Amino acid sequence: MTTTDERIPPAVSPTEIAARRLKAAPTDRVVFRVAGLYGVSTHSAEFPVSASESIDTGTVSITLDPESGASGNVGIMDFEKRYLRVRYNIHAVFPALHQLVMSGQHDLSLLGPVRATATDECAVTEDFSGWRALGCMDFLPGSLWAGASGG
């Protein structure tokens, strides 16, 4: 009986593994977490409250959604391409709707926050001092506009 000890060589050698560990991490792209986002509108918007009726919202207040996990609020910056993509979960509150709801003409559910996921793609200025964002928003289940999306 003849036996042979034919071993399959490793796909990556120990020398190659050591070289990979010494290789510098790329610095042209950075992944970051979005935290502490808030905003208040300076203008009103038309707010649909039924198929045939809309109202003026007044000021809109937006913050990160406290019910979403931090993993949903992330971005990536590509310095070489001057490109920024960020995804974050928000909730929006329309304080001006309080008077409308309290009049008894509309359901109390209008007072609940609108929850949505926003995704922005941004062209960063040449000197990295700002950006122009184009984005879209997907409204989450349980929100007033659930299933709607827009950009």
C-alpha atoms as a PDB file:
ATOM      1  CA  MET A   1       0.000   0.000   0.000  1.00  0.00           C
ATOM      2  CA  THR A   2       1.372   3.332  -1.010  1.00  0.00           C
ATOM      3  CA  THR A   3       0.344   6.570   0.663  1.00  0.00           C
ATOM      4  CA  THR A   4       1.182  10.020  -0.446  1.00  0.00           C
ATOM      5  CA  ASP A   5       1.122  13.158   1.581  1.00  0.00           C
ATOM      6  CA  GLU A   6      -0.125  15.633  -0.978  1.00  0.00           C
ATOM      7  CA  ARG A   7      -1.175  18.749   0.810  1.00  0.00           C
ATOM      8  CA  ILE A   8      -3.003  21.548  -0.829  1.00  0.00           C
ATOM      9  CA  PRO A   9      -0.941  24.700  -0.543  1.00  0.00           C
ATOM     10  CA  PRO A  10      -2.664  27.536   1.348  1.00  0.00           C
ATOM     11  CA  ALA A  11      -4.454  30.082  -0.809  1.00  0.00           C
ATOM     12  CA  VAL A  12      -2.572  32.852   0.971  1.00  0.00           C
ATOM     13  CA  SER A  13       0.876  32.379   2.414  1.00  0.00           C
ATOM     14  CA  PRO A  14       1.904  33.607   5.875  1.00  0.00           C
ATOM     15  CA  THR A  15       4.203  36.111   4.169  1.00  0.00           C
ATOM     16  CA  GLU A  16       1.289  37.544   2.178  1.00  0.00           C
ATOM     17  CA  ILE A  17      -0.818  37.782   5.334  1.00  0.00           C
ATOM     18  CA  ALA A  18       1.950  39.704   7.107  1.00  0.00           C
ATOM     19  CA  ALA A  19       2.275  42.053   4.122  1.00  0.00           C
ATOM     20  CA  ARG A  20      -1.487  42.727   4.158  1.00  0.00           C
ATOM     21  CA  ARG A  21      -1.338  43.653   7.849  1.00  0.00           C
ATOM     22  CA  LEU A  22       1.415  46.189   7.160  1.00  0.00           C
ATOM     23  CA  LYS A  23      -0.414  47.787   4.242  1.00  0.00           C
ATOM     24  CA  ALA A  24      -1.776  51.239   5.112  1.00  0.00           C
ATOM     25  CA  ALA A  25      -5.545  51.593   5.282  1.00  0.00           C
ATOM     26  CA  PRO A  26      -7.058  53.696   2.488  1.00  0.00           C
ATOM     27  CA  THR A  27      -7.589  57.327   3.475  1.00  0.00           C
ATOM     28  CA  ASP A  28      -9.511  58.517   0.438  1.00  0.00           C
ATOM     29  CA  ARG A  29     -12.819  57.245   1.914  1.00  0.00           C
ATOM     30  CA  VAL A  30     -14.210  57.666   5.407  1.00  0.00           C
ATOM     31  CA  VAL A  31     -17.309  56.065   6.915  1.00  0.00           C
ATOM     32  CA  PHE A  32     -18.973  58.100   9.653  1.00  0.00           C
ATOM     33  CA  ARG A  33     -21.971  57.987  11.972  1.00  0.00           C
ATOM     34  CA  VAL A  34     -24.624  60.707  11.902  1.00  0.00           C
ATOM     35  CA  ALA A  35     -25.507  61.951  15.393  1.00  0.00           C
ATOM     36  CA  GLY A  36     -27.182  65.053  16.760  1.00  0.00           C
ATOM     37  CA  LEU A  37     -29.102  66.037  13.628  1.00  0.00           C
ATOM     38  CA  TYR A  38     -31.860  68.604  14.058  1.00  0.00           C
ATOM     39  CA  GLY A  39     -33.490  71.287  11.994  1.00  0.00           C
ATOM     40  CA  VAL A  40     -36.349  73.752  11.880  1.00  0.00           C
ATOM     41  CA  SER A  41     -37.887  74.887   8.615  1.00  0.00           C
ATOM     42  CA  THR A  42     -38.028  78.531   7.695  1.00  0.00           C
ATOM     43  CA  HIS A  43     -41.020  78.037   5.391  1.00  0.00           C
ATOM     44  CA  SER A  44     -44.345  76.246   5.529  1.00  0.00           C
ATOM     45  CA  ALA A  45     -45.316  73.370   3.281  1.00  0.00           C
ATOM     46  CA  GLU A  46     -48.589  72.037   1.919  1.00  0.00           C
ATOM     47  CA  PHE A  47     -49.602  69.039   4.042  1.00  0.00           C
ATOM     48  CA  PRO A  48     -52.224  66.612   2.682  1.00  0.00           C
ATOM     49  CA  VAL A  49     -54.750  65.604   5.362  1.00  0.00           C
ATOM     50  CA  SER A  50     -57.127  63.799   3.001  1.00  0.00           C
ATOM     51  CA  ALA A  51     -57.469  62.999  -0.689  1.00  0.00           C
ATOM     52  CA  SER A  52     -59.042  66.402  -1.334  1.00  0.00           C
ATOM     53  CA  GLU A  53     -57.760  68.658   1.447  1.00  0.00           C
ATOM     54  CA  SER A  54     -54.388  70.057   2.461  1.00  0.00           C
ATOM     55  CA  ILE A  55     -53.281  72.647   4.975  1.00  0.00           C
ATOM     56  CA  ASP A  56     -50.325  74.924   5.563  1.00  0.00           C
ATOM     57  CA  THR A  57     -48.004  73.203   8.070  1.00  0.00           C
ATOM     58  CA  GLY A  58     -46.282  76.178   9.571  1.00  0.00           C
ATOM     59  CA  THR A  59     -42.856  75.472  11.036  1.00  0.00           C
ATOM     60  CA  VAL A  60     -41.600  71.873  10.768  1.00  0.00           C
ATOM     61  CA  SER A  61     -39.183  70.457  13.339  1.00  0.00           C
ATOM     62  CA  ILE A  62     -36.904  67.566  12.322  1.00  0.00           C
ATOM     63  CA  THR A  63     -34.609  65.448  14.504  1.00  0.00           C
ATOM     64  CA  LEU A  64     -32.981  62.040  14.280  1.00  0.00           C
ATOM     65  CA  ASP A  65     -35.585  59.371  14.981  1.00  0.00           C
ATOM     66  CA  PRO A  66     -35.062  58.283  18.606  1.00  0.00           C
ATOM     67  CA  GLU A  67     -36.695  54.914  17.821  1.00  0.00           C
ATOM     68  CA  SER A  68     -34.211  53.979  15.098  1.00  0.00           C
ATOM     69  CA  GLY A  69     -30.879  52.359  15.768  1.00  0.00           C
ATOM     70  CA  ALA A  70     -27.589  54.161  15.249  1.00  0.00           C
ATOM     71  CA  SER A  71     -26.719  51.703  12.451  1.00  0.00           C
ATOM     72  CA  GLY A  72     -29.252  53.439  10.199  1.00  0.00           C
ATOM     73  CA  ASN A  73     -27.561  56.833  10.527  1.00  0.00           C
ATOM     74  CA  VAL A  74     -24.352  56.529   8.519  1.00  0.00           C
ATOM     75  CA  GLY A  75     -22.492  58.195   5.730  1.00  0.00           C
ATOM     76  CA  ILE A  76     -19.453  57.743   3.537  1.00  0.00           C
ATOM     77  CA  MET A  77     -17.212  60.481   2.202  1.00  0.00           C
ATOM     78  CA  ASP A  78     -15.066  59.836  -0.867  1.00  0.00           C
ATOM     79  CA  PHE A  79     -12.440  62.586  -0.824  1.00  0.00           C
ATOM     80  CA  GLU A  80     -10.942  61.721  -4.204  1.00  0.00           C
ATOM     81  CA  LYS A  81     -14.306  61.971  -5.994  1.00  0.00           C
ATOM     82  CA  ARG A  82     -15.590  64.766  -3.698  1.00  0.00           C
ATOM     83  CA  TYR A  83     -18.740  62.705  -3.152  1.00  0.00           C
ATOM     84  CA  LEU A  84     -20.759  62.280   0.033  1.00  0.00           C
ATOM     85  CA  ARG A  85     -23.599  59.810   0.589  1.00  0.00           C
ATOM     86  CA  VAL A  86     -25.500  59.818   3.848  1.00  0.00           C
ATOM     87  CA  ARG A  87     -28.492  57.828   5.105  1.00  0.00           C
ATOM     88  CA  TYR A  88     -30.333  58.802   8.265  1.00  0.00           C
ATOM     89  CA  ASN A  89     -33.652  58.180  10.005  1.00  0.00           C
ATOM     90  CA  ILE A  90     -35.671  61.218  11.010  1.00  0.00           C
ATOM     91  CA  HIS A  91     -38.897  62.129  12.612  1.00  0.00           C
ATOM     92  CA  ALA A  92     -40.694  65.338  11.780  1.00  0.00           C
ATOM     93  CA  VAL A  93     -43.197  67.167  13.970  1.00  0.00           C
ATOM     94  CA  PHE A  94     -45.629  69.789  12.712  1.00  0.00           C
ATOM     95  CA  PRO A  95     -46.543  71.972  15.711  1.00  0.00           C
ATOM     96  CA  ALA A  96     -49.027  74.034  13.659  1.00  0.00           C
ATOM     97  CA  LEU A  97     -51.189  70.924  13.243  1.00  0.00           C
ATOM     98  CA  HIS A  98     -52.068  71.098  16.941  1.00  0.00           C
ATOM     99  CA  GLN A  99     -54.671  73.831  16.393  1.00  0.00           C
ATOM    100  CA  LEU A 100     -56.202  71.931  13.460  1.00  0.00           C
ATOM    101  CA  VAL A 101     -56.519  68.700  15.459  1.00  0.00           C
ATOM    102  CA  MET A 102     -57.829  70.452  18.562  1.00  0.00           C
ATOM    103  CA  SER A 103     -60.617  71.977  16.440  1.00  0.00           C
ATOM    104  CA  GLY A 104     -62.090  68.455  16.293  1.00  0.00           C
ATOM    105  CA  GLN A 105     -62.131  68.361  12.496  1.00  0.00           C
ATOM    106  CA  HIS A 106     -59.250  65.885  12.119  1.00  0.00           C
ATOM    107  CA  ASP A 107     -57.928  62.754  13.783  1.00  0.00           C
ATOM    108  CA  LEU A 108     -55.477  62.969  16.701  1.00  0.00           C
ATOM    109  CA  SER A 109     -53.049  60.761  14.737  1.00  0.00           C
ATOM    110  CA  LEU A 110     -51.975  63.895  12.852  1.00  0.00           C
ATOM    111  CA  LEU A 111     -50.072  64.932  15.983  1.00  0.00           C
ATOM    112  CA  GLY A 112     -47.781  61.876  15.884  1.00  0.00           C
ATOM    113  CA  PRO A 113     -44.337  62.340  14.369  1.00  0.00           C
ATOM    114  CA  VAL A 114     -43.791  61.439  10.743  1.00  0.00           C
ATOM    115  CA  ARG A 115     -40.975  58.868  10.546  1.00  0.00           C
ATOM    116  CA  ALA A 116     -38.819  58.514   7.434  1.00  0.00           C
ATOM    117  CA  THR A 117     -35.456  57.417   6.090  1.00  0.00           C
ATOM    118  CA  ALA A 118     -33.603  60.058   4.107  1.00  0.00           C
ATOM    119  CA  THR A 119     -30.797  59.289   1.666  1.00  0.00           C
ATOM    120  CA  ASP A 120     -28.746  62.191   0.342  1.00  0.00           C
ATOM    121  CA  GLU A 121     -26.127  62.138  -2.388  1.00  0.00           C
ATOM    122  CA  CYS A 122     -23.927  65.191  -2.296  1.00  0.00           C
ATOM    123  CA  ALA A 123     -21.437  66.888  -4.587  1.00  0.00           C
ATOM    124  CA  VAL A 124     -18.758  68.388  -2.335  1.00  0.00           C
ATOM    125  CA  THR A 125     -17.235  71.758  -3.249  1.00  0.00           C
ATOM    126  CA  GLU A 126     -13.661  71.798  -4.513  1.00  0.00           C
ATOM    127  CA  ASP A 127     -12.361  73.348  -1.275  1.00  0.00           C
ATOM    128  CA  PHE A 128     -14.435  70.912   0.862  1.00  0.00           C
ATOM    129  CA  SER A 129     -16.238  73.803   2.572  1.00  0.00           C
ATOM    130  CA  GLY A 130     -19.760  72.693   1.640  1.00  0.00           C
ATOM    131  CA  TRP A 131     -21.908  70.509  -0.583  1.00  0.00           C
ATOM    132  CA  ARG A 132     -25.053  70.392  -2.667  1.00  0.00           C
ATOM    133  CA  ALA A 133     -27.365  67.596  -1.607  1.00  0.00           C
ATOM    134  CA  LEU A 134     -29.949  65.815  -3.701  1.00  0.00           C
ATOM    135  CA  GLY A 135     -31.918  63.275  -1.766  1.00  0.00           C
ATOM    136  CA  CYS A 136     -34.995  61.212  -1.361  1.00  0.00           C
ATOM    137  CA  MET A 137     -37.185  60.303   1.570  1.00  0.00           C
ATOM    138  CA  ASP A 138     -39.010  57.041   2.244  1.00  0.00           C
ATOM    139  CA  PHE A 139     -41.761  57.232   4.853  1.00  0.00           C
ATOM    140  CA  LEU A 140     -41.787  54.352   7.344  1.00  0.00           C
ATOM    141  CA  PRO A 141     -44.671  52.070   8.325  1.00  0.00           C
ATOM    142  CA  GLY A 142     -46.805  53.554  11.091  1.00  0.00           C
ATOM    143  CA  SER A 143     -46.153  57.107   9.904  1.00  0.00           C
ATOM    144  CA  LEU A 144     -48.847  59.367   8.561  1.00  0.00           C
ATOM    145  CA  TRP A 145     -47.454  59.090   5.022  1.00  0.00           C
ATOM    146  CA  ALA A 146     -46.355  55.420   5.271  1.00  0.00           C
ATOM    147  CA  GLY A 147     -45.467  53.937   1.913  1.00  0.00           C
ATOM    148  CA  ALA A 148     -44.939  57.312   0.230  1.00  0.00           C
ATOM    149  CA  SER A 149     -41.574  58.436  -1.071  1.00  0.00           C
ATOM    150  CA  GLY A 150     -40.223  61.550  -2.639  1.00  0.00           C
ATOM    151  CA  GLY A 151     -37.107  63.417  -3.603  1.00  0.00           C
END
